[in-house]
Amino acid sequence: MAKKSSTAPKPARKPNAALMKPVQPDAILAAVIGSTPLPRGEMTKKLWDYIKKNGLQDQTKKTNINADAALKAVFGGKSQVTMFEMTKLVSAHVK
């Protein structure tokens, strides 16, 4: 016997409104991603563009980011952070 397939489409996942709301980067973060208000997702995307453009992703352990002078200020003086730690540190620089 053939299985009946459900014809009801899965409901599309609704984006989180809090993540879609533009946030204002402070002066330290603005030096890296610009000073225009952006949603958090776009902000993270711009950070990764900066990291890749400047070759700051650690070559041996890809989850680590090596900070240049601009990112060191964002990362609170740390010269290397994990990508998970990065999002926490960046959130301190938005209003």
C-alpha atoms as a PDB file:
ATOM      1  CA  MET A   1       0.000   0.000   0.000  1.00  0.00           C
ATOM      2  CA  ALA A   2       1.159   3.493  -0.833  1.00  0.00           C
ATOM      3  CA  LYS A   3       1.567   5.985   1.988  1.00  0.00           C
ATOM      4  CA  LYS A   4      -0.652   9.042   1.972  1.00  0.00           C
ATOM      5  CA  SER A   5       1.377  12.203   1.725  1.00  0.00           C
ATOM      6  CA  SER A   6       0.063  15.172   3.594  1.00  0.00           C
ATOM      7  CA  THR A   7      -0.902  17.993   1.270  1.00  0.00           C
ATOM      8  CA  ALA A   8      -0.734  20.695   3.935  1.00  0.00           C
ATOM      9  CA  PRO A   9       2.418  22.770   3.399  1.00  0.00           C
ATOM     10  CA  LYS A  10       4.679  23.354   6.372  1.00  0.00           C
ATOM     11  CA  PRO A  11       4.221  26.850   7.766  1.00  0.00           C
ATOM     12  CA  ALA A  12       7.120  29.124   6.852  1.00  0.00           C
ATOM     13  CA  ARG A  13       9.335  30.050   9.761  1.00  0.00           C
ATOM     14  CA  LYS A  14       8.647  33.594  10.856  1.00  0.00           C
ATOM     15  CA  PRO A  15      11.797  35.686  11.352  1.00  0.00           C
ATOM     16  CA  ASN A  16      12.389  36.956  14.868  1.00  0.00           C
ATOM     17  CA  ALA A  17      11.302  40.615  14.920  1.00  0.00           C
ATOM     18  CA  ALA A  18      13.987  41.495  17.475  1.00  0.00           C
ATOM     19  CA  LEU A  19      16.714  40.282  15.110  1.00  0.00           C
ATOM     20  CA  MET A  20      15.240  42.209  12.180  1.00  0.00           C
ATOM     21  CA  LYS A  21      15.127  45.546  14.032  1.00  0.00           C
ATOM     22  CA  PRO A  22      18.021  47.835  13.039  1.00  0.00           C
ATOM     23  CA  VAL A  23      20.498  48.561  15.823  1.00  0.00           C
ATOM     24  CA  GLN A  24      23.003  51.411  15.971  1.00  0.00           C
ATOM     25  CA  PRO A  25      26.696  50.423  16.179  1.00  0.00           C
ATOM     26  CA  ASP A  26      28.839  52.539  18.498  1.00  0.00           C
ATOM     27  CA  ALA A  27      31.935  54.414  17.261  1.00  0.00           C
ATOM     28  CA  ILE A  28      34.288  51.468  17.889  1.00  0.00           C
ATOM     29  CA  LEU A  29      32.189  48.995  15.882  1.00  0.00           C
ATOM     30  CA  ALA A  30      31.372  51.640  13.247  1.00  0.00           C
ATOM     31  CA  ALA A  31      35.090  51.779  12.379  1.00  0.00           C
ATOM     32  CA  VAL A  32      34.746  48.201  11.101  1.00  0.00           C
ATOM     33  CA  ILE A  33      31.211  47.933   9.655  1.00  0.00           C
ATOM     34  CA  GLY A  34      30.079  51.534   9.115  1.00  0.00           C
ATOM     35  CA  SER A  35      27.838  53.808  11.168  1.00  0.00           C
ATOM     36  CA  THR A  36      24.426  53.117   9.596  1.00  0.00           C
ATOM     37  CA  PRO A  37      21.870  51.216  11.720  1.00  0.00           C
ATOM     38  CA  LEU A  38      21.618  47.565  10.607  1.00  0.00           C
ATOM     39  CA  PRO A  39      19.709  44.445  11.675  1.00  0.00           C
ATOM     40  CA  ARG A  40      21.910  42.099  13.726  1.00  0.00           C
ATOM     41  CA  GLY A  41      22.077  39.553  10.900  1.00  0.00           C
ATOM     42  CA  GLU A  42      23.410  42.151   8.447  1.00  0.00           C
ATOM     43  CA  MET A  43      25.864  43.366  11.070  1.00  0.00           C
ATOM     44  CA  THR A  44      27.265  39.849  11.497  1.00  0.00           C
ATOM     45  CA  LYS A  45      27.442  39.459   7.708  1.00  0.00           C
ATOM     46  CA  LYS A  46      29.447  42.708   7.391  1.00  0.00           C
ATOM     47  CA  LEU A  47      31.783  41.578  10.169  1.00  0.00           C
ATOM     48  CA  TRP A  48      32.440  38.293   8.352  1.00  0.00           C
ATOM     49  CA  ASP A  49      33.016  40.186   5.082  1.00  0.00           C
ATOM     50  CA  TYR A  50      35.634  42.290   6.908  1.00  0.00           C
ATOM     51  CA  ILE A  51      37.229  39.212   8.520  1.00  0.00           C
ATOM     52  CA  LYS A  52      37.462  37.358   5.182  1.00  0.00           C
ATOM     53  CA  LYS A  53      38.633  40.407   3.197  1.00  0.00           C
ATOM     54  CA  ASN A  54      41.498  40.940   5.660  1.00  0.00           C
ATOM     55  CA  GLY A  55      42.319  37.223   6.110  1.00  0.00           C
ATOM     56  CA  LEU A  56      41.654  37.279   9.857  1.00  0.00           C
ATOM     57  CA  GLN A  57      40.137  33.798  10.171  1.00  0.00           C
ATOM     58  CA  ASP A  58      42.655  31.456  11.793  1.00  0.00           C
ATOM     59  CA  GLN A  59      44.006  29.011   9.195  1.00  0.00           C
ATOM     60  CA  THR A  60      44.518  26.082  11.569  1.00  0.00           C
ATOM     61  CA  LYS A  61      41.342  26.454  13.653  1.00  0.00           C
ATOM     62  CA  LYS A  62      38.641  28.029  11.489  1.00  0.00           C
ATOM     63  CA  THR A  63      36.390  28.889  14.459  1.00  0.00           C
ATOM     64  CA  ASN A  64      38.954  31.406  15.725  1.00  0.00           C
ATOM     65  CA  ILE A  65      39.238  35.013  14.563  1.00  0.00           C
ATOM     66  CA  ASN A  66      42.593  36.803  14.802  1.00  0.00           C
ATOM     67  CA  ALA A  67      41.975  40.486  15.533  1.00  0.00           C
ATOM     68  CA  ASP A  68      43.657  43.368  13.723  1.00  0.00           C
ATOM     69  CA  ALA A  69      43.837  46.800  15.432  1.00  0.00           C
ATOM     70  CA  ALA A  70      40.209  47.701  14.597  1.00  0.00           C
ATOM     71  CA  LEU A  71      38.777  44.361  15.737  1.00  0.00           C
ATOM     72  CA  LYS A  72      40.947  44.294  18.852  1.00  0.00           C
ATOM     73  CA  ALA A  73      39.058  47.396  20.047  1.00  0.00           C
ATOM     74  CA  VAL A  74      35.727  45.659  19.341  1.00  0.00           C
ATOM     75  CA  PHE A  75      36.891  42.473  21.102  1.00  0.00           C
ATOM     76  CA  GLY A  76      37.885  44.338  24.270  1.00  0.00           C
ATOM     77  CA  GLY A  77      41.634  44.078  23.668  1.00  0.00           C
ATOM     78  CA  LYS A  78      41.684  40.344  22.917  1.00  0.00           C
ATOM     79  CA  SER A  79      43.919  39.328  20.003  1.00  0.00           C
ATOM     80  CA  GLN A  80      41.984  36.124  19.274  1.00  0.00           C
ATOM     81  CA  VAL A  81      38.370  35.109  19.929  1.00  0.00           C
ATOM     82  CA  THR A  82      36.119  32.255  18.849  1.00  0.00           C
ATOM     83  CA  MET A  83      33.274  33.020  16.445  1.00  0.00           C
ATOM     84  CA  PHE A  84      30.807  32.295  19.254  1.00  0.00           C
ATOM     85  CA  GLU A  85      32.568  34.679  21.614  1.00  0.00           C
ATOM     86  CA  MET A  86      32.626  37.295  18.848  1.00  0.00           C
ATOM     87  CA  THR A  87      28.825  37.687  18.739  1.00  0.00           C
ATOM     88  CA  LYS A  88      28.722  38.227  22.508  1.00  0.00           C
ATOM     89  CA  LEU A  89      31.486  40.835  22.378  1.00  0.00           C
ATOM     90  CA  VAL A  90      29.923  42.648  19.410  1.00  0.00           C
ATOM     91  CA  SER A  91      26.540  42.920  21.134  1.00  0.00           C
ATOM     92  CA  ALA A  92      28.170  45.184  23.738  1.00  0.00           C
ATOM     93  CA  HIS A  93      28.823  47.707  20.938  1.00  0.00           C
ATOM     94  CA  VAL A  94      25.232  48.202  19.753  1.00  0.00           C
ATOM     95  CA  LYS A  95      22.504  50.465  21.060  1.00  0.00           C
END
